[in-house]
Amino acid sequence: MKKLSVLLAIALLLGLAACGVAPEAPNAPEATDPPETQAVATTESTATAPESPGDDSDQLYFDVFRPAFELAGAFSMGTMAGDAEQSVRRNGVYYYRVTDPRFTSFAAMEATLCEIFSEELTRRLMVNSPFKYPLYIEHGGEIYAVGGRGFPMAAPMSFGVEEQSGSKITYRVRIAYMDGREKDFLYIRELVGGKWIFTEFPMEWMTIAGAANLPR
């Protein structure tokens, strides 16, 4: 597998994480400068068998993994586009109104995730949080998100096709951790109901500094 450069890989993952520190724990003092939030890329699905880019790691990232990582990252390392001027505080945690037009409700959020992930993975993502409080809440008929969440601890370095058939593709993704370790993960994408969606999507490497020791 052709490797992405270290700087490029880190830059890609930084796009998933909001700048600044992790959000306040319950009973923290009120924030004066709400963190900026990041947008999530538009997602697409296709009912025809995707052409394999062979050993082109960069092309695999941009064609297959970028939308999936950004959506999954919004439930682990990153966040969604939001309005820092509109916030609510719940149990000591600040949430900011999501401005992404695809996420006007939890139902709309679920529908967007289902364009890329299986129903089972979608359900798991929507309840995922690296903290002891939820990442998203509904308030006044709109979705609000926790702000900046910290610094990612790992980044994807290379992508390759492990196996491919007319209805299933297995990808091998190499992840580099900030402590120097590297580990391979297998991701599976299948043709289900006329759409290519991920049915296996390992997320254990999608963590942020400091979150591992916080109670869920």
N, C-alpha and C. Protein backbone atom coordinates (compact mmCIF):
# COMPACT_ATOMS: atom_id res chain seq x y z
N MET A 1 0.84 -1.19 0.00
CA MET A 1 0.00 0.00 0.00
C MET A 1 0.88 1.25 0.00
N LYS A 2 0.55 2.19 -0.87
CA LYS A 2 1.30 3.43 -0.89
C LYS A 2 0.95 4.26 0.34
N LYS A 3 1.95 4.79 1.01
CA LYS A 3 1.70 5.53 2.24
C LYS A 3 1.44 7.00 1.97
N LEU A 4 0.47 7.55 2.69
CA LEU A 4 0.30 8.98 2.73
C LEU A 4 1.43 9.57 3.56
N SER A 5 1.79 10.82 3.28
CA SER A 5 2.83 11.45 4.10
C SER A 5 2.31 11.65 5.51
N VAL A 6 3.23 11.65 6.48
CA VAL A 6 2.84 11.82 7.88
C VAL A 6 2.12 13.15 8.07
N LEU A 7 2.64 14.23 7.50
CA LEU A 7 2.02 15.54 7.68
C LEU A 7 0.63 15.58 7.07
N LEU A 8 0.44 14.95 5.89
CA LEU A 8 -0.88 14.93 5.27
C LEU A 8 -1.86 14.16 6.13
N ALA A 9 -1.43 13.00 6.63
CA ALA A 9 -2.33 12.18 7.45
C ALA A 9 -2.76 12.93 8.70
N ILE A 10 -1.82 13.58 9.37
CA ILE A 10 -2.16 14.32 10.58
C ILE A 10 -3.10 15.47 10.22
N ALA A 11 -2.85 16.14 9.10
CA ALA A 11 -3.72 17.25 8.69
C ALA A 11 -5.13 16.77 8.42
N LEU A 12 -5.27 15.60 7.81
CA LEU A 12 -6.60 15.06 7.53
C LEU A 12 -7.37 14.82 8.81
N LEU A 13 -6.70 14.27 9.83
CA LEU A 13 -7.37 13.99 11.09
C LEU A 13 -7.64 15.24 11.89
N LEU A 14 -6.79 16.23 11.76
CA LEU A 14 -7.05 17.48 12.47
C LEU A 14 -8.34 18.11 11.98
N GLY A 15 -8.69 17.85 10.72
CA GLY A 15 -9.94 18.35 10.19
C GLY A 15 -11.14 17.74 10.86
N LEU A 16 -10.97 16.58 11.52
CA LEU A 16 -12.06 15.92 12.22
C LEU A 16 -12.22 16.44 13.64
N ALA A 17 -11.19 17.08 14.17
CA ALA A 17 -11.24 17.51 15.57
C ALA A 17 -11.38 19.02 15.64
N ALA A 18 -12.26 19.48 16.50
CA ALA A 18 -12.42 20.92 16.66
C ALA A 18 -11.22 21.48 17.39
N CYS A 19 -10.85 22.72 17.05
CA CYS A 19 -9.71 23.35 17.71
C CYS A 19 -10.05 23.67 19.15
N GLY A 20 -9.04 23.70 20.00
CA GLY A 20 -9.25 24.06 21.40
C GLY A 20 -9.25 22.85 22.30
N VAL A 21 -9.67 23.05 23.54
CA VAL A 21 -9.65 21.99 24.52
C VAL A 21 -10.98 21.27 24.53
N ALA A 22 -11.03 20.14 25.25
CA ALA A 22 -12.27 19.39 25.37
C ALA A 22 -13.30 20.24 26.10
N PRO A 23 -14.62 19.97 25.88
CA PRO A 23 -15.66 20.78 26.51
C PRO A 23 -15.65 20.66 28.03
N GLU A 24 -16.28 21.66 28.64
CA GLU A 24 -16.28 21.72 30.10
C GLU A 24 -17.01 20.53 30.70
N ALA A 25 -16.48 20.02 31.82
CA ALA A 25 -17.18 18.99 32.56
C ALA A 25 -18.30 19.65 33.34
N PRO A 26 -19.27 18.86 33.83
CA PRO A 26 -20.35 19.45 34.64
C PRO A 26 -19.80 20.30 35.78
N ASN A 27 -20.51 21.43 36.02
CA ASN A 27 -20.16 22.38 37.08
C ASN A 27 -18.91 23.19 36.75
N ALA A 28 -18.46 23.17 35.49
CA ALA A 28 -17.31 24.00 35.11
C ALA A 28 -17.76 25.45 35.00
N PRO A 29 -16.84 26.41 35.13
CA PRO A 29 -17.21 27.82 34.97
C PRO A 29 -17.63 28.10 33.55
N GLU A 30 -18.46 29.11 33.37
CA GLU A 30 -18.98 29.44 32.04
C GLU A 30 -17.85 29.84 31.10
N ALA A 31 -17.98 29.39 29.85
CA ALA A 31 -16.95 29.71 28.85
C ALA A 31 -17.17 31.12 28.33
N THR A 32 -16.08 31.80 28.01
CA THR A 32 -16.17 33.14 27.45
C THR A 32 -15.97 33.15 25.95
N ASP A 33 -15.18 32.23 25.43
CA ASP A 33 -14.94 32.14 23.99
C ASP A 33 -15.35 30.76 23.50
N PRO A 34 -16.57 30.62 23.01
CA PRO A 34 -17.01 29.30 22.53
C PRO A 34 -16.13 28.82 21.40
N PRO A 35 -15.79 27.52 21.38
CA PRO A 35 -14.91 26.99 20.34
C PRO A 35 -15.59 26.97 18.99
N GLU A 36 -14.79 27.16 17.94
CA GLU A 36 -15.31 27.03 16.60
C GLU A 36 -15.58 25.57 16.30
N THR A 37 -16.53 25.32 15.41
CA THR A 37 -16.85 23.95 15.03
C THR A 37 -16.53 23.73 13.57
N GLN A 38 -16.44 22.45 13.17
CA GLN A 38 -16.03 22.10 11.83
C GLN A 38 -17.19 21.52 11.05
N ALA A 39 -17.17 21.70 9.73
CA ALA A 39 -18.21 21.16 8.87
C ALA A 39 -17.93 19.70 8.55
N VAL A 40 -18.99 18.97 8.20
CA VAL A 40 -18.88 17.58 7.79
C VAL A 40 -19.10 17.49 6.30
N ALA A 41 -18.28 16.72 5.61
CA ALA A 41 -18.37 16.64 4.16
C ALA A 41 -19.67 16.01 3.71
N THR A 42 -20.16 16.41 2.53
CA THR A 42 -21.35 15.81 1.94
C THR A 42 -21.09 14.36 1.60
N THR A 43 -22.08 13.50 1.80
CA THR A 43 -21.91 12.08 1.57
C THR A 43 -22.65 11.65 0.32
N GLU A 44 -22.15 10.59 -0.32
CA GLU A 44 -22.77 10.05 -1.51
C GLU A 44 -22.72 8.54 -1.45
N SER A 45 -23.69 7.86 -2.10
CA SER A 45 -23.69 6.42 -2.23
C SER A 45 -23.95 6.07 -3.68
N THR A 46 -23.54 4.89 -4.09
CA THR A 46 -23.78 4.46 -5.46
C THR A 46 -24.23 3.02 -5.46
N ALA A 47 -25.16 2.70 -6.37
CA ALA A 47 -25.70 1.35 -6.44
C ALA A 47 -24.86 0.46 -7.34
N THR A 48 -23.95 1.04 -8.11
CA THR A 48 -23.10 0.25 -8.99
C THR A 48 -21.79 -0.06 -8.28
N ALA A 49 -21.15 -1.14 -8.69
CA ALA A 49 -19.89 -1.54 -8.06
C ALA A 49 -18.84 -0.46 -8.27
N PRO A 50 -18.27 0.08 -7.19
CA PRO A 50 -17.27 1.14 -7.35
C PRO A 50 -16.01 0.61 -7.99
N GLU A 51 -15.42 1.43 -8.84
CA GLU A 51 -14.16 1.04 -9.47
C GLU A 51 -13.05 1.08 -8.44
N SER A 52 -12.26 0.03 -8.42
CA SER A 52 -11.14 0.00 -7.48
C SER A 52 -9.99 0.84 -8.00
N PRO A 53 -9.48 1.78 -7.20
CA PRO A 53 -8.34 2.57 -7.61
C PRO A 53 -7.02 1.83 -7.46
N GLY A 54 -7.12 0.50 -7.25
CA GLY A 54 -5.90 -0.29 -7.15
C GLY A 54 -5.13 0.03 -5.89
N ASP A 55 -3.86 0.39 -6.07
CA ASP A 55 -3.01 0.64 -4.91
C ASP A 55 -2.85 2.12 -4.64
N ASP A 56 -3.79 2.94 -5.15
CA ASP A 56 -3.71 4.38 -4.97
C ASP A 56 -4.33 4.75 -3.63
N SER A 57 -3.49 4.86 -2.61
CA SER A 57 -3.96 5.11 -1.26
C SER A 57 -4.67 6.45 -1.15
N ASP A 58 -4.11 7.48 -1.79
CA ASP A 58 -4.71 8.80 -1.73
C ASP A 58 -6.11 8.79 -2.32
N GLN A 59 -6.27 8.12 -3.48
CA GLN A 59 -7.57 8.09 -4.15
C GLN A 59 -8.60 7.35 -3.31
N LEU A 60 -8.19 6.27 -2.66
CA LEU A 60 -9.10 5.54 -1.78
C LEU A 60 -9.57 6.43 -0.64
N TYR A 61 -8.68 7.21 -0.09
CA TYR A 61 -9.07 8.11 0.99
C TYR A 61 -10.15 9.07 0.52
N PHE A 62 -9.89 9.78 -0.57
CA PHE A 62 -10.81 10.82 -1.00
C PHE A 62 -12.12 10.26 -1.55
N ASP A 63 -12.07 9.10 -2.22
CA ASP A 63 -13.28 8.54 -2.84
C ASP A 63 -14.13 7.74 -1.87
N VAL A 64 -13.52 7.09 -0.90
CA VAL A 64 -14.24 6.15 -0.05
C VAL A 64 -14.27 6.56 1.41
N PHE A 65 -13.12 6.92 1.97
CA PHE A 65 -13.03 7.05 3.42
C PHE A 65 -13.25 8.46 3.96
N ARG A 66 -12.96 9.46 3.21
CA ARG A 66 -13.07 10.82 3.75
C ARG A 66 -14.48 11.13 4.28
N PRO A 67 -15.55 10.90 3.49
CA PRO A 67 -16.89 11.20 4.03
C PRO A 67 -17.22 10.35 5.26
N ALA A 68 -16.80 9.07 5.24
CA ALA A 68 -17.10 8.18 6.37
C ALA A 68 -16.34 8.60 7.62
N PHE A 69 -15.06 8.93 7.49
CA PHE A 69 -14.28 9.35 8.65
C PHE A 69 -14.82 10.65 9.25
N GLU A 70 -15.24 11.57 8.39
CA GLU A 70 -15.72 12.84 8.90
C GLU A 70 -17.05 12.68 9.64
N LEU A 71 -17.93 11.82 9.12
CA LEU A 71 -19.18 11.57 9.82
C LEU A 71 -18.93 10.81 11.12
N ALA A 72 -18.14 9.75 11.06
CA ALA A 72 -17.84 8.99 12.27
C ALA A 72 -17.10 9.86 13.28
N GLY A 73 -16.21 10.71 12.79
CA GLY A 73 -15.47 11.59 13.67
C GLY A 73 -16.35 12.58 14.41
N ALA A 74 -17.50 12.91 13.82
CA ALA A 74 -18.43 13.82 14.48
C ALA A 74 -19.04 13.21 15.73
N PHE A 75 -18.82 11.90 15.92
CA PHE A 75 -19.32 11.21 17.11
C PHE A 75 -18.17 10.70 17.97
N SER A 76 -16.96 11.22 17.73
CA SER A 76 -15.81 10.82 18.53
C SER A 76 -14.84 11.98 18.69
N MET A 77 -14.10 12.33 17.62
CA MET A 77 -13.05 13.33 17.74
C MET A 77 -13.48 14.73 17.35
N GLY A 78 -14.41 14.83 16.40
CA GLY A 78 -14.74 16.13 15.83
C GLY A 78 -16.10 16.62 16.25
N THR A 79 -16.69 17.44 15.41
CA THR A 79 -18.02 17.97 15.66
C THR A 79 -18.61 18.43 14.34
N MET A 80 -19.79 19.03 14.38
CA MET A 80 -20.46 19.49 13.18
C MET A 80 -20.45 21.00 13.12
N ALA A 81 -20.68 21.55 11.92
CA ALA A 81 -20.74 23.00 11.76
C ALA A 81 -21.80 23.57 12.68
N GLY A 82 -21.43 24.61 13.43
CA GLY A 82 -22.37 25.17 14.41
C GLY A 82 -22.23 26.67 14.55
N ASP A 83 -23.18 27.25 15.22
CA ASP A 83 -23.21 28.68 15.49
C ASP A 83 -22.76 28.92 16.93
N ALA A 84 -21.56 29.45 17.07
CA ALA A 84 -20.99 29.67 18.40
C ALA A 84 -21.72 30.76 19.18
N GLU A 85 -22.57 31.54 18.49
CA GLU A 85 -23.31 32.59 19.16
C GLU A 85 -24.60 32.08 19.78
N GLN A 86 -25.00 30.86 19.41
CA GLN A 86 -26.23 30.30 19.95
C GLN A 86 -25.90 29.05 20.75
N SER A 87 -25.97 29.15 22.05
CA SER A 87 -25.58 28.03 22.90
C SER A 87 -26.59 27.82 24.01
N VAL A 88 -26.59 26.60 24.52
CA VAL A 88 -27.38 26.27 25.71
C VAL A 88 -26.45 25.51 26.65
N ARG A 89 -26.76 25.58 27.93
CA ARG A 89 -25.96 24.86 28.92
C ARG A 89 -26.83 23.81 29.58
N ARG A 90 -26.37 22.56 29.55
CA ARG A 90 -27.12 21.48 30.17
C ARG A 90 -26.19 20.66 31.04
N ASN A 91 -26.51 20.57 32.32
CA ASN A 91 -25.68 19.84 33.28
C ASN A 91 -24.22 20.31 33.27
N GLY A 92 -24.05 21.62 33.12
CA GLY A 92 -22.71 22.19 33.16
C GLY A 92 -21.94 22.12 31.86
N VAL A 93 -22.54 21.58 30.79
CA VAL A 93 -21.86 21.42 29.51
C VAL A 93 -22.49 22.35 28.49
N TYR A 94 -21.66 23.03 27.70
CA TYR A 94 -22.16 23.94 26.68
C TYR A 94 -22.35 23.22 25.35
N TYR A 95 -23.50 23.47 24.73
CA TYR A 95 -23.83 22.93 23.41
C TYR A 95 -24.13 24.10 22.48
N TYR A 96 -23.74 23.94 21.20
CA TYR A 96 -23.91 25.00 20.22
C TYR A 96 -24.80 24.53 19.08
N ARG A 97 -25.65 25.42 18.59
CA ARG A 97 -26.64 25.04 17.57
C ARG A 97 -25.96 24.59 16.29
N VAL A 98 -26.33 23.39 15.82
CA VAL A 98 -25.77 22.84 14.59
C VAL A 98 -26.40 23.55 13.40
N THR A 99 -25.57 24.01 12.48
CA THR A 99 -26.06 24.74 11.30
C THR A 99 -26.02 23.91 10.03
N ASP A 100 -25.44 22.72 10.08
CA ASP A 100 -25.43 21.85 8.90
C ASP A 100 -26.88 21.52 8.53
N PRO A 101 -27.33 21.85 7.30
CA PRO A 101 -28.74 21.65 6.94
C PRO A 101 -29.19 20.20 6.91
N ARG A 102 -28.24 19.26 6.91
CA ARG A 102 -28.61 17.84 6.91
C ARG A 102 -28.95 17.34 8.31
N PHE A 103 -28.69 18.14 9.33
CA PHE A 103 -28.87 17.70 10.71
C PHE A 103 -29.84 18.61 11.46
N THR A 104 -31.03 18.73 10.91
CA THR A 104 -32.05 19.56 11.54
C THR A 104 -32.78 18.83 12.65
N SER A 105 -32.62 17.51 12.72
CA SER A 105 -33.25 16.70 13.75
C SER A 105 -32.48 15.40 13.87
N PHE A 106 -32.76 14.62 14.92
CA PHE A 106 -32.11 13.32 15.05
C PHE A 106 -32.53 12.38 13.93
N ALA A 107 -33.76 12.53 13.44
CA ALA A 107 -34.22 11.69 12.33
C ALA A 107 -33.42 12.01 11.07
N ALA A 108 -33.16 13.29 10.82
CA ALA A 108 -32.37 13.69 9.65
C ALA A 108 -30.93 13.22 9.81
N MET A 109 -30.39 13.29 11.02
CA MET A 109 -29.04 12.82 11.30
C MET A 109 -28.93 11.32 11.00
N GLU A 110 -29.92 10.56 11.45
CA GLU A 110 -29.93 9.12 11.21
C GLU A 110 -29.99 8.80 9.72
N ALA A 111 -30.83 9.54 8.98
CA ALA A 111 -30.96 9.31 7.54
C ALA A 111 -29.65 9.58 6.81
N THR A 112 -28.92 10.61 7.24
CA THR A 112 -27.64 10.93 6.61
C THR A 112 -26.61 9.85 6.89
N LEU A 113 -26.54 9.38 8.13
CA LEU A 113 -25.60 8.32 8.47
C LEU A 113 -25.90 7.04 7.70
N CYS A 114 -27.18 6.75 7.49
CA CYS A 114 -27.57 5.52 6.79
C CYS A 114 -27.20 5.54 5.32
N GLU A 115 -26.81 6.70 4.79
CA GLU A 115 -26.32 6.76 3.42
C GLU A 115 -24.92 6.18 3.30
N ILE A 116 -24.20 6.06 4.41
CA ILE A 116 -22.82 5.58 4.39
C ILE A 116 -22.64 4.34 5.26
N PHE A 117 -23.39 4.24 6.35
CA PHE A 117 -23.22 3.13 7.30
C PHE A 117 -24.47 2.26 7.36
N SER A 118 -24.28 1.01 7.81
CA SER A 118 -25.41 0.12 8.00
C SER A 118 -26.29 0.66 9.13
N GLU A 119 -27.51 0.12 9.24
CA GLU A 119 -28.41 0.57 10.30
C GLU A 119 -27.82 0.29 11.68
N GLU A 120 -27.17 -0.86 11.83
CA GLU A 120 -26.55 -1.19 13.12
C GLU A 120 -25.44 -0.20 13.47
N LEU A 121 -24.57 0.09 12.51
CA LEU A 121 -23.49 1.05 12.77
C LEU A 121 -24.06 2.44 13.05
N THR A 122 -25.10 2.82 12.34
CA THR A 122 -25.73 4.12 12.55
C THR A 122 -26.25 4.25 13.97
N ARG A 123 -26.92 3.22 14.46
CA ARG A 123 -27.44 3.25 15.84
C ARG A 123 -26.30 3.38 16.85
N ARG A 124 -25.22 2.66 16.61
CA ARG A 124 -24.07 2.73 17.53
C ARG A 124 -23.42 4.11 17.51
N LEU A 125 -23.31 4.69 16.33
CA LEU A 125 -22.70 6.01 16.22
C LEU A 125 -23.52 7.07 16.95
N MET A 126 -24.82 7.01 16.80
CA MET A 126 -25.67 8.07 17.35
C MET A 126 -25.66 8.12 18.87
N VAL A 127 -25.28 7.03 19.52
CA VAL A 127 -25.20 7.04 20.99
C VAL A 127 -23.75 7.08 21.48
N ASN A 128 -22.81 7.15 20.53
CA ASN A 128 -21.40 7.14 20.92
C ASN A 128 -20.99 8.49 21.51
N SER A 129 -20.16 8.44 22.55
CA SER A 129 -19.60 9.66 23.12
C SER A 129 -18.34 9.29 23.91
N PRO A 130 -17.25 10.04 23.73
CA PRO A 130 -16.05 9.77 24.53
C PRO A 130 -16.15 10.34 25.94
N PHE A 131 -17.25 11.02 26.24
CA PHE A 131 -17.43 11.65 27.54
C PHE A 131 -18.60 11.02 28.29
N LYS A 132 -18.85 11.48 29.50
CA LYS A 132 -19.96 10.95 30.30
C LYS A 132 -21.25 11.70 30.03
N TYR A 133 -21.26 12.55 29.04
CA TYR A 133 -22.46 13.26 28.63
C TYR A 133 -22.62 13.12 27.12
N PRO A 134 -23.84 13.26 26.60
CA PRO A 134 -24.05 13.08 25.15
C PRO A 134 -23.40 14.19 24.34
N LEU A 135 -23.02 13.86 23.10
CA LEU A 135 -22.40 14.85 22.21
C LEU A 135 -23.44 15.75 21.57
N TYR A 136 -24.67 15.25 21.41
CA TYR A 136 -25.73 16.01 20.74
C TYR A 136 -27.01 15.96 21.56
N ILE A 137 -27.73 17.07 21.57
CA ILE A 137 -29.02 17.15 22.25
C ILE A 137 -30.00 17.88 21.33
N GLU A 138 -31.28 17.69 21.58
CA GLU A 138 -32.31 18.48 20.90
C GLU A 138 -32.77 19.57 21.84
N HIS A 139 -32.90 20.78 21.30
CA HIS A 139 -33.34 21.92 22.10
C HIS A 139 -34.13 22.86 21.20
N GLY A 140 -35.36 23.14 21.58
CA GLY A 140 -36.17 24.04 20.77
C GLY A 140 -36.40 23.54 19.36
N GLY A 141 -36.47 22.22 19.19
CA GLY A 141 -36.70 21.66 17.86
C GLY A 141 -35.48 21.65 16.97
N GLU A 142 -34.29 21.91 17.53
CA GLU A 142 -33.05 21.91 16.74
C GLU A 142 -31.99 21.07 17.45
N ILE A 143 -30.93 20.75 16.70
CA ILE A 143 -29.83 19.94 17.24
C ILE A 143 -28.72 20.86 17.73
N TYR A 144 -28.22 20.55 18.93
CA TYR A 144 -27.08 21.28 19.50
C TYR A 144 -25.95 20.28 19.75
N ALA A 145 -24.70 20.73 19.55
CA ALA A 145 -23.54 19.85 19.68
C ALA A 145 -22.54 20.41 20.67
N VAL A 146 -21.84 19.50 21.36
CA VAL A 146 -20.72 19.89 22.20
C VAL A 146 -19.65 20.54 21.33
N GLY A 147 -18.93 21.51 21.85
CA GLY A 147 -17.92 22.21 21.07
C GLY A 147 -16.62 21.45 20.94
N GLY A 148 -15.46 22.15 20.99
CA GLY A 148 -14.16 21.53 20.79
C GLY A 148 -13.91 20.36 21.72
N ARG A 149 -13.26 19.32 21.19
CA ARG A 149 -13.13 18.09 21.97
C ARG A 149 -11.69 17.65 22.22
N GLY A 150 -10.70 18.37 21.75
CA GLY A 150 -9.33 17.96 22.04
C GLY A 150 -8.55 17.56 20.81
N PHE A 151 -7.44 16.86 21.02
CA PHE A 151 -6.49 16.54 19.96
C PHE A 151 -6.52 15.05 19.65
N PRO A 152 -6.62 14.66 18.35
CA PRO A 152 -6.66 13.23 18.01
C PRO A 152 -5.37 12.52 18.35
N MET A 153 -5.48 11.27 18.76
CA MET A 153 -4.33 10.49 19.18
C MET A 153 -3.79 9.56 18.10
N ALA A 154 -4.44 9.51 16.93
CA ALA A 154 -4.00 8.63 15.85
C ALA A 154 -4.48 9.19 14.52
N ALA A 155 -3.88 8.70 13.42
CA ALA A 155 -4.25 9.18 12.08
C ALA A 155 -4.08 8.05 11.07
N PRO A 156 -4.93 8.00 10.03
CA PRO A 156 -4.76 6.99 8.98
C PRO A 156 -3.54 7.31 8.13
N MET A 157 -2.76 6.28 7.79
CA MET A 157 -1.55 6.47 7.02
C MET A 157 -1.63 5.90 5.61
N SER A 158 -2.37 4.80 5.42
CA SER A 158 -2.46 4.19 4.10
C SER A 158 -3.74 3.39 3.98
N PHE A 159 -4.19 3.23 2.72
CA PHE A 159 -5.43 2.53 2.42
C PHE A 159 -5.19 1.58 1.27
N GLY A 160 -5.76 0.38 1.35
CA GLY A 160 -5.61 -0.59 0.27
C GLY A 160 -6.81 -1.52 0.21
N VAL A 161 -7.04 -2.12 -0.97
CA VAL A 161 -8.11 -3.09 -1.14
C VAL A 161 -7.57 -4.48 -0.80
N GLU A 162 -8.16 -5.12 0.20
CA GLU A 162 -7.75 -6.45 0.62
C GLU A 162 -8.41 -7.52 -0.24
N GLU A 163 -9.76 -7.43 -0.38
CA GLU A 163 -10.54 -8.35 -1.20
C GLU A 163 -11.68 -7.59 -1.84
N GLN A 164 -12.12 -8.05 -3.01
CA GLN A 164 -13.23 -7.37 -3.67
C GLN A 164 -14.04 -8.35 -4.50
N SER A 165 -15.38 -8.22 -4.39
CA SER A 165 -16.31 -8.98 -5.22
C SER A 165 -17.36 -8.02 -5.74
N GLY A 166 -18.39 -8.55 -6.39
CA GLY A 166 -19.42 -7.68 -6.94
C GLY A 166 -20.30 -7.03 -5.89
N SER A 167 -20.30 -7.55 -4.68
CA SER A 167 -21.18 -7.00 -3.65
C SER A 167 -20.48 -6.73 -2.32
N LYS A 168 -19.15 -6.92 -2.26
CA LYS A 168 -18.44 -6.72 -1.01
C LYS A 168 -16.99 -6.34 -1.27
N ILE A 169 -16.52 -5.35 -0.54
CA ILE A 169 -15.12 -4.92 -0.63
C ILE A 169 -14.55 -4.84 0.78
N THR A 170 -13.39 -5.44 0.98
CA THR A 170 -12.68 -5.35 2.26
C THR A 170 -11.46 -4.48 2.05
N TYR A 171 -11.33 -3.44 2.87
CA TYR A 171 -10.20 -2.51 2.79
C TYR A 171 -9.30 -2.73 4.00
N ARG A 172 -8.01 -2.53 3.80
CA ARG A 172 -7.05 -2.54 4.90
C ARG A 172 -6.54 -1.11 5.10
N VAL A 173 -6.71 -0.62 6.32
CA VAL A 173 -6.30 0.75 6.64
C VAL A 173 -5.24 0.69 7.73
N ARG A 174 -4.11 1.31 7.48
CA ARG A 174 -3.04 1.37 8.49
C ARG A 174 -3.16 2.67 9.28
N ILE A 175 -3.20 2.51 10.60
CA ILE A 175 -3.34 3.65 11.49
C ILE A 175 -2.03 3.87 12.24
N ALA A 176 -1.58 5.12 12.29
CA ALA A 176 -0.37 5.48 13.05
C ALA A 176 -0.79 6.24 14.30
N TYR A 177 -0.33 5.76 15.44
CA TYR A 177 -0.63 6.41 16.72
C TYR A 177 0.46 7.43 17.04
N MET A 178 0.10 8.39 17.87
CA MET A 178 1.04 9.45 18.21
C MET A 178 2.23 8.94 19.00
N ASP A 179 2.10 7.75 19.62
CA ASP A 179 3.22 7.20 20.39
C ASP A 179 4.15 6.35 19.51
N GLY A 180 3.93 6.34 18.19
CA GLY A 180 4.81 5.64 17.27
C GLY A 180 4.31 4.28 16.82
N ARG A 181 3.28 3.74 17.47
CA ARG A 181 2.74 2.44 17.06
C ARG A 181 1.98 2.55 15.75
N GLU A 182 1.90 1.43 15.02
CA GLU A 182 1.08 1.33 13.82
C GLU A 182 0.25 0.06 13.91
N LYS A 183 -0.97 0.13 13.41
CA LYS A 183 -1.85 -1.03 13.46
C LYS A 183 -2.77 -1.03 12.25
N ASP A 184 -3.03 -2.21 11.68
CA ASP A 184 -3.92 -2.34 10.54
C ASP A 184 -5.33 -2.70 11.00
N PHE A 185 -6.33 -2.10 10.34
CA PHE A 185 -7.74 -2.40 10.59
C PHE A 185 -8.42 -2.75 9.28
N LEU A 186 -9.38 -3.67 9.33
CA LEU A 186 -10.14 -4.06 8.15
C LEU A 186 -11.52 -3.40 8.18
N TYR A 187 -11.85 -2.75 7.09
CA TYR A 187 -13.15 -2.09 6.92
C TYR A 187 -13.89 -2.80 5.79
N ILE A 188 -15.18 -3.05 6.00
CA ILE A 188 -15.96 -3.78 5.00
C ILE A 188 -17.10 -2.90 4.49
N ARG A 189 -17.22 -2.86 3.16
CA ARG A 189 -18.28 -2.10 2.50
C ARG A 189 -19.06 -3.08 1.61
N GLU A 190 -20.39 -3.07 1.76
CA GLU A 190 -21.21 -4.03 1.03
C GLU A 190 -22.35 -3.33 0.29
N LEU A 191 -22.83 -4.00 -0.76
CA LEU A 191 -23.97 -3.51 -1.53
C LEU A 191 -25.24 -4.01 -0.83
N VAL A 192 -25.95 -3.09 -0.18
CA VAL A 192 -27.15 -3.43 0.58
C VAL A 192 -28.29 -2.51 0.15
N GLY A 193 -29.38 -3.11 -0.32
CA GLY A 193 -30.53 -2.31 -0.73
C GLY A 193 -30.21 -1.32 -1.82
N GLY A 194 -29.29 -1.70 -2.71
CA GLY A 194 -28.93 -0.82 -3.82
C GLY A 194 -27.92 0.26 -3.49
N LYS A 195 -27.35 0.25 -2.27
CA LYS A 195 -26.37 1.26 -1.87
C LYS A 195 -25.12 0.59 -1.32
N TRP A 196 -23.97 1.18 -1.60
CA TRP A 196 -22.72 0.72 -1.00
C TRP A 196 -22.57 1.38 0.36
N ILE A 197 -22.57 0.57 1.42
CA ILE A 197 -22.47 1.09 2.77
C ILE A 197 -21.44 0.29 3.57
N PHE A 198 -20.89 0.92 4.60
CA PHE A 198 -19.97 0.21 5.49
C PHE A 198 -20.78 -0.65 6.46
N THR A 199 -20.39 -1.93 6.54
CA THR A 199 -21.00 -2.83 7.51
C THR A 199 -20.03 -3.19 8.64
N GLU A 200 -18.75 -2.95 8.43
CA GLU A 200 -17.73 -3.07 9.47
C GLU A 200 -16.88 -1.81 9.42
N PHE A 201 -16.79 -1.10 10.55
CA PHE A 201 -16.10 0.19 10.55
C PHE A 201 -15.41 0.38 11.91
N PRO A 202 -14.21 -0.20 12.11
CA PRO A 202 -13.50 -0.07 13.39
C PRO A 202 -13.24 1.40 13.75
N MET A 203 -13.54 1.75 14.99
CA MET A 203 -13.36 3.13 15.44
C MET A 203 -12.49 3.24 16.69
N GLU A 204 -11.88 2.13 17.12
CA GLU A 204 -11.15 2.18 18.40
C GLU A 204 -9.99 3.17 18.39
N TRP A 205 -9.45 3.47 17.20
CA TRP A 205 -8.34 4.41 17.12
C TRP A 205 -8.82 5.87 17.11
N MET A 206 -10.12 6.09 16.92
CA MET A 206 -10.66 7.44 16.81
C MET A 206 -10.93 7.99 18.21
N THR A 207 -9.84 8.34 18.90
CA THR A 207 -9.92 8.85 20.26
C THR A 207 -9.23 10.21 20.33
N ILE A 208 -9.49 10.93 21.42
CA ILE A 208 -8.85 12.22 21.61
C ILE A 208 -8.11 12.23 22.94
N ALA A 209 -7.13 13.11 23.04
CA ALA A 209 -6.32 13.21 24.25
C ALA A 209 -7.20 13.54 25.45
N GLY A 210 -7.03 12.74 26.50
CA GLY A 210 -7.75 13.00 27.74
C GLY A 210 -9.08 12.31 27.86
N ALA A 211 -9.68 11.87 26.74
CA ALA A 211 -11.01 11.29 26.80
C ALA A 211 -10.99 9.87 27.37
N ALA A 212 -9.88 9.16 27.21
CA ALA A 212 -9.84 7.75 27.62
C ALA A 212 -10.05 7.58 29.12
N ASN A 213 -9.65 8.59 29.90
CA ASN A 213 -9.75 8.46 31.35
C ASN A 213 -11.04 9.04 31.93
N LEU A 214 -11.90 9.59 31.05
CA LEU A 214 -13.15 10.15 31.54
C LEU A 214 -14.21 9.08 31.62
N PRO A 215 -15.01 9.05 32.67
CA PRO A 215 -16.09 8.05 32.78
C PRO A 215 -17.14 8.28 31.72
N ARG A 216 -17.68 7.20 31.15
CA ARG A 216 -18.72 7.33 30.14
C ARG A 216 -20.09 7.42 30.82
